Amino acid sequence: MKVLGTILVIVGIAMIIIRGFSVPTEKKVVDIGPVEINKKENKWIGWPTYAGGIVAIVGVVLLVGAKKRD
């Protein structure tokens, strides 16, 4: 439980600091026989800031609960 709690706290803090990331994708615009036109786009994958806070709080609760059991 201590390891899981520590990991959740670290991931939660990282989620607060890094609010998301972009992934390059390629989209086919036109495909006429031998002619093909593609468009490169960046797709944003993000999460709300409070999600990182919730993950960090759950990690702290697990750490505190693990200390009480010892």
C-alpha atoms as a PDB file:
ATOM      1  CA  MET A   1       0.000   0.000   0.000  1.00  0.00           C
ATOM      2  CA  LYS A   2       2.876   2.364   0.705  1.00  0.00           C
ATOM      3  CA  VAL A   3       4.303   1.874  -2.776  1.00  0.00           C
ATOM      4  CA  LEU A   4       0.912   2.418  -4.445  1.00  0.00           C
ATOM      5  CA  GLY A   5       0.284   5.510  -2.320  1.00  0.00           C
ATOM      6  CA  THR A   6       3.683   6.951  -3.200  1.00  0.00           C
ATOM      7  CA  ILE A   7       3.141   6.298  -6.908  1.00  0.00           C
ATOM      8  CA  LEU A   8      -0.294   7.947  -6.790  1.00  0.00           C
ATOM      9  CA  VAL A   9       1.098  11.040  -5.054  1.00  0.00           C
ATOM     10  CA  ILE A  10       3.863  11.387  -7.663  1.00  0.00           C
ATOM     11  CA  VAL A  11       1.458  10.846 -10.574  1.00  0.00           C
ATOM     12  CA  GLY A  12      -1.034  13.315  -9.068  1.00  0.00           C
ATOM     13  CA  ILE A  13       1.597  16.031  -8.735  1.00  0.00           C
ATOM     14  CA  ALA A  14       2.774  15.362 -12.302  1.00  0.00           C
ATOM     15  CA  MET A  15      -0.833  15.640 -13.537  1.00  0.00           C
ATOM     16  CA  ILE A  16      -1.166  19.025 -11.837  1.00  0.00           C
ATOM     17  CA  ILE A  17       2.073  20.327 -13.350  1.00  0.00           C
ATOM     18  CA  ILE A  18       1.658  18.768 -16.823  1.00  0.00           C
ATOM     19  CA  ARG A  19      -1.915  19.386 -17.920  1.00  0.00           C
ATOM     20  CA  GLY A  20      -1.739  17.193 -21.008  1.00  0.00           C
ATOM     21  CA  PHE A  21       0.227  16.472 -24.140  1.00  0.00           C
ATOM     22  CA  SER A  22      -0.232  16.599 -27.890  1.00  0.00           C
ATOM     23  CA  VAL A  23       0.038  13.679 -30.245  1.00  0.00           C
ATOM     24  CA  PRO A  24       0.779  14.198 -33.958  1.00  0.00           C
ATOM     25  CA  THR A  25      -1.741  12.497 -36.220  1.00  0.00           C
ATOM     26  CA  GLU A  26      -2.018  12.263 -39.976  1.00  0.00           C
ATOM     27  CA  LYS A  27      -5.391  12.687 -41.650  1.00  0.00           C
ATOM     28  CA  LYS A  28      -6.129  11.766 -45.262  1.00  0.00           C
ATOM     29  CA  VAL A  29      -7.740  14.755 -47.005  1.00  0.00           C
ATOM     30  CA  VAL A  30      -7.832  13.682 -50.672  1.00  0.00           C
ATOM     31  CA  ASP A  31      -7.236  10.305 -52.282  1.00  0.00           C
ATOM     32  CA  ILE A  32      -7.711  10.414 -56.048  1.00  0.00           C
ATOM     33  CA  GLY A  33      -6.004   7.464 -57.704  1.00  0.00           C
ATOM     34  CA  PRO A  34      -2.232   7.941 -57.467  1.00  0.00           C
ATOM     35  CA  VAL A  35      -2.637  11.406 -55.878  1.00  0.00           C
ATOM     36  CA  GLU A  36      -2.933  11.429 -52.118  1.00  0.00           C
ATOM     37  CA  ILE A  37      -2.982  14.523 -49.898  1.00  0.00           C
ATOM     38  CA  ASN A  38      -2.478  14.152 -46.150  1.00  0.00           C
ATOM     39  CA  LYS A  39      -2.752  16.715 -43.406  1.00  0.00           C
ATOM     40  CA  LYS A  40      -0.729  16.556 -40.199  1.00  0.00           C
ATOM     41  CA  GLU A  41      -2.574  17.644 -37.063  1.00  0.00           C
ATOM     42  CA  ASN A  42      -1.695  17.765 -33.400  1.00  0.00           C
ATOM     43  CA  LYS A  43      -4.380  16.231 -31.199  1.00  0.00           C
ATOM     44  CA  TRP A  44      -4.430  17.471 -27.598  1.00  0.00           C
ATOM     45  CA  ILE A  45      -4.976  14.894 -24.871  1.00  0.00           C
ATOM     46  CA  GLY A  46      -5.579  16.593 -21.571  1.00  0.00           C
ATOM     47  CA  TRP A  47      -7.206  16.218 -18.189  1.00  0.00           C
ATOM     48  CA  PRO A  48      -8.621  18.698 -15.705  1.00  0.00           C
ATOM     49  CA  THR A  49      -6.338  20.013 -12.983  1.00  0.00           C
ATOM     50  CA  TYR A  50      -8.596  18.727 -10.219  1.00  0.00           C
ATOM     51  CA  ALA A  51      -8.086  15.149 -11.465  1.00  0.00           C
ATOM     52  CA  GLY A  52      -4.414  15.364 -10.479  1.00  0.00           C
ATOM     53  CA  GLY A  53      -5.413  16.729  -7.084  1.00  0.00           C
ATOM     54  CA  ILE A  54      -7.820  13.857  -6.514  1.00  0.00           C
ATOM     55  CA  VAL A  55      -5.172  11.282  -7.465  1.00  0.00           C
ATOM     56  CA  ALA A  56      -2.660  12.903  -5.101  1.00  0.00           C
ATOM     57  CA  ILE A  57      -5.184  13.001  -2.236  1.00  0.00           C
ATOM     58  CA  VAL A  58      -6.019   9.314  -2.725  1.00  0.00           C
ATOM     59  CA  GLY A  59      -2.290   8.562  -2.568  1.00  0.00           C
ATOM     60  CA  VAL A  60      -1.934  10.498   0.693  1.00  0.00           C
ATOM     61  CA  VAL A  61      -4.924   8.660   2.172  1.00  0.00           C
ATOM     62  CA  LEU A  62      -3.336   5.328   1.239  1.00  0.00           C
ATOM     63  CA  LEU A  63      -0.038   6.379   2.824  1.00  0.00           C
ATOM     64  CA  VAL A  64      -1.728   7.479   6.041  1.00  0.00           C
ATOM     65  CA  GLY A  65      -3.803   4.302   6.144  1.00  0.00           C
ATOM     66  CA  ALA A  66      -0.691   2.175   5.664  1.00  0.00           C
ATOM     67  CA  LYS A  67       1.068   3.943   8.571  1.00  0.00           C
ATOM     68  CA  LYS A  68      -1.896   3.322  10.910  1.00  0.00           C
ATOM     69  CA  ARG A  69      -1.809  -0.429  10.163  1.00  0.00           C
ATOM     70  CA  ASP A  70       1.871  -0.726  11.128  1.00  0.00           C
END
